[in-house]
């Protein structure tokens, strides 16, 4: 589970929207009192940048670096199938290079 990313419904089509931590901080928080009763859909990022599930991991790293994203939605045939984070990528490299268990995420 990724607490910083929420979708309105699954499967999500690529042309729809996502609600991210960035949306919360930049769109909701500045005037929380006025925004707290509005629907999440009012603050969602339209047309999120996604990766196909079979994209090379280098594409994910590039997409995150260039877009300054911490998470990128992963799709298959236009449907959301998951979300990849930089932590997921680092854990992959750690387990591949050292043969160890993934580094656990810190508690929220």
N, C-alpha and C. Protein backbone atom coordinates (compact mmCIF):
# COMPACT_ATOMS: atom_id res chain seq x y z
N UNK A 1 0.84 -1.18 0.00
CA UNK A 1 0.00 0.00 0.00
C UNK A 1 0.88 1.24 0.00
N UNK A 2 0.48 2.23 -0.77
CA UNK A 2 1.22 3.48 -0.86
C UNK A 2 0.34 4.58 -0.32
N UNK A 3 0.56 5.00 0.93
CA UNK A 3 -0.31 6.00 1.54
C UNK A 3 -0.24 7.38 0.89
N UNK A 4 0.80 7.65 0.09
CA UNK A 4 0.89 8.99 -0.50
C UNK A 4 0.19 9.08 -1.85
N UNK A 5 -0.34 7.99 -2.35
CA UNK A 5 -1.05 8.00 -3.62
C UNK A 5 -2.40 7.33 -3.42
N UNK A 6 -3.43 7.95 -3.87
CA UNK A 6 -4.77 7.35 -3.77
C UNK A 6 -5.46 7.47 -5.12
N UNK A 7 -6.17 6.45 -5.50
CA UNK A 7 -6.95 6.54 -6.73
C UNK A 7 -8.42 6.46 -6.37
N UNK A 8 -9.23 7.07 -7.20
CA UNK A 8 -10.66 7.09 -6.94
C UNK A 8 -11.26 5.72 -7.13
N UNK A 9 -10.82 4.99 -8.15
CA UNK A 9 -11.32 3.64 -8.36
C UNK A 9 -10.29 2.84 -9.17
N UNK A 10 -10.33 1.56 -9.01
CA UNK A 10 -9.47 0.67 -9.77
C UNK A 10 -10.37 -0.27 -10.57
N UNK A 11 -10.01 -0.72 -11.75
CA UNK A 11 -8.82 -0.25 -12.46
C UNK A 11 -9.01 1.17 -12.98
N UNK A 12 -7.97 1.92 -12.94
CA UNK A 12 -7.99 3.32 -13.36
C UNK A 12 -7.49 3.41 -14.79
N UNK A 13 -8.19 4.12 -15.63
CA UNK A 13 -7.73 4.32 -17.00
C UNK A 13 -6.67 5.41 -17.00
N UNK A 14 -5.71 5.30 -17.89
CA UNK A 14 -4.60 6.24 -17.95
C UNK A 14 -5.06 7.69 -18.11
N UNK A 15 -6.11 7.92 -18.89
CA UNK A 15 -6.53 9.30 -19.15
C UNK A 15 -7.26 9.92 -17.97
N UNK A 16 -7.45 9.17 -16.90
CA UNK A 16 -8.12 9.71 -15.74
C UNK A 16 -7.12 10.38 -14.82
N UNK A 17 -7.39 10.44 -13.55
CA UNK A 17 -6.56 11.23 -12.64
C UNK A 17 -6.14 10.45 -11.41
N UNK A 18 -5.12 10.97 -10.74
CA UNK A 18 -4.65 10.42 -9.47
C UNK A 18 -4.59 11.54 -8.44
N UNK A 19 -4.76 11.18 -7.19
CA UNK A 19 -4.58 12.13 -6.09
C UNK A 19 -3.31 11.75 -5.38
N UNK A 20 -2.36 12.66 -5.33
CA UNK A 20 -1.05 12.37 -4.76
C UNK A 20 -0.76 13.25 -3.56
N UNK A 21 0.32 12.92 -2.89
CA UNK A 21 0.79 13.75 -1.78
C UNK A 21 1.05 15.18 -2.25
N UNK A 22 1.58 15.31 -3.44
CA UNK A 22 1.84 16.64 -4.01
C UNK A 22 0.54 17.42 -4.19
N UNK A 23 -0.53 16.73 -4.66
CA UNK A 23 -1.83 17.39 -4.79
C UNK A 23 -2.32 17.87 -3.43
N UNK A 24 -2.16 17.05 -2.43
CA UNK A 24 -2.59 17.42 -1.08
C UNK A 24 -1.84 18.66 -0.60
N UNK A 25 -0.53 18.64 -0.74
CA UNK A 25 0.29 19.74 -0.24
C UNK A 25 0.12 21.04 -1.02
N UNK A 26 -0.03 20.94 -2.34
CA UNK A 26 -0.09 22.15 -3.16
C UNK A 26 -1.50 22.65 -3.45
N UNK A 27 -2.48 21.75 -3.45
CA UNK A 27 -3.83 22.16 -3.84
C UNK A 27 -4.82 22.20 -2.68
N UNK A 28 -4.65 21.33 -1.71
CA UNK A 28 -5.61 21.26 -0.60
C UNK A 28 -5.12 22.04 0.61
N UNK A 29 -3.92 21.78 1.05
CA UNK A 29 -3.41 22.33 2.30
C UNK A 29 -3.37 23.86 2.37
N UNK A 30 -3.04 24.58 1.30
CA UNK A 30 -2.95 26.04 1.44
C UNK A 30 -4.24 26.70 1.97
N UNK A 31 -5.39 26.11 1.68
CA UNK A 31 -6.65 26.64 2.21
C UNK A 31 -7.52 25.46 2.67
N UNK A 32 -6.96 24.69 3.59
CA UNK A 32 -7.61 23.47 4.04
C UNK A 32 -9.03 23.71 4.56
N UNK A 33 -9.25 24.76 5.33
CA UNK A 33 -10.57 25.03 5.90
C UNK A 33 -11.63 25.15 4.79
N UNK A 34 -11.28 25.80 3.71
CA UNK A 34 -12.23 25.96 2.60
C UNK A 34 -12.33 24.70 1.74
N UNK A 35 -11.28 23.89 1.72
CA UNK A 35 -11.23 22.73 0.83
C UNK A 35 -11.64 21.41 1.45
N UNK A 36 -11.70 21.32 2.77
CA UNK A 36 -11.85 20.02 3.42
C UNK A 36 -13.15 19.29 3.10
N UNK A 37 -14.18 19.97 2.70
CA UNK A 37 -15.44 19.31 2.38
C UNK A 37 -15.65 19.10 0.88
N UNK A 38 -14.69 19.53 0.08
CA UNK A 38 -14.78 19.34 -1.37
C UNK A 38 -14.37 17.92 -1.74
N UNK A 39 -14.87 17.41 -2.84
CA UNK A 39 -14.49 16.05 -3.25
C UNK A 39 -13.03 15.98 -3.69
N UNK A 40 -12.42 14.84 -3.48
CA UNK A 40 -11.03 14.61 -3.87
C UNK A 40 -10.84 14.88 -5.36
N UNK A 41 -11.85 14.56 -6.14
CA UNK A 41 -11.73 14.72 -7.59
C UNK A 41 -11.43 16.16 -8.00
N UNK A 42 -11.79 17.13 -7.15
CA UNK A 42 -11.47 18.54 -7.45
C UNK A 42 -9.97 18.82 -7.42
N UNK A 43 -9.21 17.97 -6.79
CA UNK A 43 -7.79 18.24 -6.58
C UNK A 43 -6.86 17.24 -7.27
N UNK A 44 -7.42 16.31 -8.00
CA UNK A 44 -6.62 15.26 -8.61
C UNK A 44 -5.81 15.79 -9.79
N UNK A 45 -4.62 15.22 -9.98
CA UNK A 45 -3.78 15.56 -11.12
C UNK A 45 -4.32 14.84 -12.35
N UNK A 46 -4.67 15.59 -13.39
CA UNK A 46 -5.19 14.93 -14.59
C UNK A 46 -4.06 14.32 -15.41
N UNK A 47 -4.40 13.30 -16.16
CA UNK A 47 -3.46 12.67 -17.09
C UNK A 47 -2.09 12.37 -16.48
N UNK A 48 -2.05 11.53 -15.44
CA UNK A 48 -0.77 11.24 -14.82
C UNK A 48 0.19 10.54 -15.79
N UNK A 49 1.48 10.84 -15.63
CA UNK A 49 2.49 10.15 -16.43
C UNK A 49 2.61 8.74 -15.90
N UNK A 50 2.57 7.77 -16.78
CA UNK A 50 2.59 6.35 -16.39
C UNK A 50 3.68 5.61 -17.14
N UNK A 51 3.95 4.41 -16.67
CA UNK A 51 4.85 3.48 -17.35
C UNK A 51 4.10 2.20 -17.64
N UNK A 52 4.37 1.59 -18.78
CA UNK A 52 3.81 0.27 -19.05
C UNK A 52 4.54 -0.75 -18.17
N UNK A 53 3.85 -1.81 -17.79
CA UNK A 53 4.41 -2.79 -16.85
C UNK A 53 5.69 -3.44 -17.35
N UNK A 54 5.91 -3.47 -18.64
CA UNK A 54 7.11 -4.12 -19.18
C UNK A 54 8.23 -3.12 -19.54
N UNK A 55 8.08 -1.87 -19.11
CA UNK A 55 9.12 -0.87 -19.38
C UNK A 55 10.39 -1.20 -18.59
N UNK A 56 11.56 -0.94 -19.16
CA UNK A 56 12.81 -1.17 -18.43
C UNK A 56 12.87 -0.30 -17.17
N UNK A 57 13.54 -0.80 -16.16
CA UNK A 57 13.64 -0.07 -14.90
C UNK A 57 14.33 1.28 -15.10
N UNK A 58 15.21 1.38 -16.09
CA UNK A 58 15.86 2.67 -16.39
C UNK A 58 14.83 3.72 -16.79
N UNK A 59 13.75 3.30 -17.46
CA UNK A 59 12.69 4.24 -17.83
C UNK A 59 12.01 4.78 -16.58
N UNK A 60 11.78 3.91 -15.60
CA UNK A 60 11.14 4.35 -14.35
C UNK A 60 12.02 5.36 -13.63
N UNK A 61 13.30 5.07 -13.55
CA UNK A 61 14.24 5.98 -12.89
C UNK A 61 14.25 7.33 -13.61
N UNK A 62 14.31 7.29 -14.94
CA UNK A 62 14.32 8.52 -15.71
C UNK A 62 13.03 9.31 -15.52
N UNK A 63 11.89 8.64 -15.57
CA UNK A 63 10.60 9.31 -15.41
C UNK A 63 10.51 9.99 -14.06
N UNK A 64 11.00 9.31 -13.02
CA UNK A 64 10.97 9.89 -11.67
C UNK A 64 11.92 11.08 -11.55
N UNK A 65 13.10 10.95 -12.11
CA UNK A 65 14.09 12.03 -12.01
C UNK A 65 13.66 13.26 -12.79
N UNK A 66 13.24 13.07 -14.03
CA UNK A 66 12.85 14.19 -14.88
C UNK A 66 11.58 14.86 -14.36
N UNK A 67 10.60 14.06 -13.95
CA UNK A 67 9.34 14.61 -13.48
C UNK A 67 9.33 14.97 -12.01
N UNK A 68 10.43 14.64 -11.32
CA UNK A 68 10.53 14.87 -9.87
C UNK A 68 9.40 14.18 -9.12
N UNK A 69 9.14 12.91 -9.53
CA UNK A 69 8.10 12.10 -8.91
C UNK A 69 8.74 11.13 -7.93
N UNK A 70 8.01 10.79 -6.88
CA UNK A 70 8.45 9.73 -5.96
C UNK A 70 7.78 8.41 -6.30
N UNK A 71 6.67 8.49 -7.01
CA UNK A 71 5.91 7.31 -7.40
C UNK A 71 5.44 7.50 -8.84
N UNK A 72 5.37 6.40 -9.58
CA UNK A 72 4.86 6.45 -10.95
C UNK A 72 3.86 5.31 -11.11
N UNK A 73 2.66 5.61 -11.61
CA UNK A 73 1.69 4.55 -11.88
C UNK A 73 2.20 3.61 -12.96
N UNK A 74 1.89 2.33 -12.81
CA UNK A 74 2.27 1.31 -13.78
C UNK A 74 0.98 0.78 -14.39
N UNK A 75 0.96 0.72 -15.73
CA UNK A 75 -0.25 0.30 -16.43
C UNK A 75 0.00 -0.91 -17.31
N UNK A 76 -1.09 -1.57 -17.63
CA UNK A 76 -1.08 -2.66 -18.60
C UNK A 76 -2.34 -2.50 -19.43
N UNK A 77 -2.16 -2.29 -20.72
CA UNK A 77 -3.28 -2.07 -21.63
C UNK A 77 -4.18 -0.93 -21.15
N UNK A 78 -3.56 0.14 -20.66
CA UNK A 78 -4.29 1.32 -20.25
C UNK A 78 -4.93 1.26 -18.88
N UNK A 79 -4.76 0.17 -18.15
CA UNK A 79 -5.35 0.02 -16.81
C UNK A 79 -4.25 0.04 -15.76
N UNK A 80 -4.52 0.73 -14.66
CA UNK A 80 -3.56 0.80 -13.56
C UNK A 80 -3.40 -0.58 -12.94
N UNK A 81 -2.14 -1.05 -12.87
CA UNK A 81 -1.88 -2.35 -12.26
C UNK A 81 -1.02 -2.21 -11.01
N UNK A 82 -0.43 -1.04 -10.81
CA UNK A 82 0.40 -0.84 -9.64
C UNK A 82 1.03 0.53 -9.64
N UNK A 83 1.85 0.75 -8.64
CA UNK A 83 2.58 2.01 -8.50
C UNK A 83 3.99 1.64 -8.07
N UNK A 84 4.97 2.19 -8.76
CA UNK A 84 6.37 1.91 -8.40
C UNK A 84 6.96 3.15 -7.74
N UNK A 85 7.78 2.91 -6.74
CA UNK A 85 8.44 4.01 -6.03
C UNK A 85 9.95 3.88 -6.15
N UNK A 86 10.65 4.94 -5.83
CA UNK A 86 12.10 4.88 -5.83
C UNK A 86 12.57 3.87 -4.79
N UNK A 87 11.85 3.74 -3.68
CA UNK A 87 12.20 2.73 -2.67
C UNK A 87 12.11 1.33 -3.26
N UNK A 88 11.08 1.07 -4.07
CA UNK A 88 10.96 -0.23 -4.73
C UNK A 88 12.18 -0.50 -5.61
N UNK A 89 12.60 0.51 -6.36
CA UNK A 89 13.74 0.35 -7.26
C UNK A 89 15.03 0.12 -6.47
N UNK A 90 15.24 0.90 -5.42
CA UNK A 90 16.45 0.73 -4.59
C UNK A 90 16.46 -0.65 -3.94
N UNK A 91 15.30 -1.11 -3.45
CA UNK A 91 15.22 -2.45 -2.86
C UNK A 91 15.56 -3.52 -3.89
N UNK A 92 15.09 -3.33 -5.10
CA UNK A 92 15.40 -4.27 -6.17
C UNK A 92 16.91 -4.36 -6.38
N UNK A 93 17.57 -3.20 -6.49
CA UNK A 93 19.01 -3.21 -6.70
C UNK A 93 19.75 -3.81 -5.50
N UNK A 94 19.30 -3.51 -4.30
CA UNK A 94 19.95 -4.06 -3.10
C UNK A 94 19.84 -5.58 -3.05
N UNK A 95 18.64 -6.09 -3.33
CA UNK A 95 18.46 -7.54 -3.27
C UNK A 95 19.19 -8.24 -4.40
N UNK A 96 19.27 -7.62 -5.58
CA UNK A 96 19.98 -8.21 -6.70
C UNK A 96 21.48 -8.24 -6.47
N UNK A 97 22.01 -7.17 -5.87
CA UNK A 97 23.46 -7.08 -5.71
C UNK A 97 23.96 -7.81 -4.46
N UNK A 98 23.14 -7.91 -3.43
CA UNK A 98 23.60 -8.51 -2.19
C UNK A 98 22.89 -9.80 -1.82
N UNK A 99 21.81 -10.13 -2.54
CA UNK A 99 21.08 -11.33 -2.23
C UNK A 99 20.40 -11.25 -0.85
N UNK A 100 20.04 -10.07 -0.43
CA UNK A 100 19.42 -9.89 0.89
C UNK A 100 17.95 -9.58 0.77
N UNK A 101 17.29 -9.52 1.89
CA UNK A 101 15.88 -9.15 1.94
C UNK A 101 15.74 -7.65 1.64
N UNK A 102 14.58 -7.24 1.10
CA UNK A 102 14.36 -5.81 0.84
C UNK A 102 14.42 -5.00 2.13
N UNK A 103 14.84 -3.77 1.99
CA UNK A 103 14.88 -2.85 3.14
C UNK A 103 13.45 -2.45 3.45
N UNK A 104 12.99 -2.64 4.70
CA UNK A 104 11.60 -2.28 5.01
C UNK A 104 11.40 -0.76 4.97
N UNK A 105 10.19 -0.36 4.60
CA UNK A 105 9.85 1.06 4.61
C UNK A 105 9.70 1.52 6.03
N UNK A 106 10.06 2.78 6.33
CA UNK A 106 9.89 3.29 7.68
C UNK A 106 8.40 3.42 8.01
N UNK A 107 8.03 3.28 9.28
CA UNK A 107 6.61 3.44 9.63
C UNK A 107 6.16 4.87 9.40
N UNK A 108 4.88 5.02 9.10
CA UNK A 108 4.34 6.36 8.86
C UNK A 108 3.93 7.01 10.14
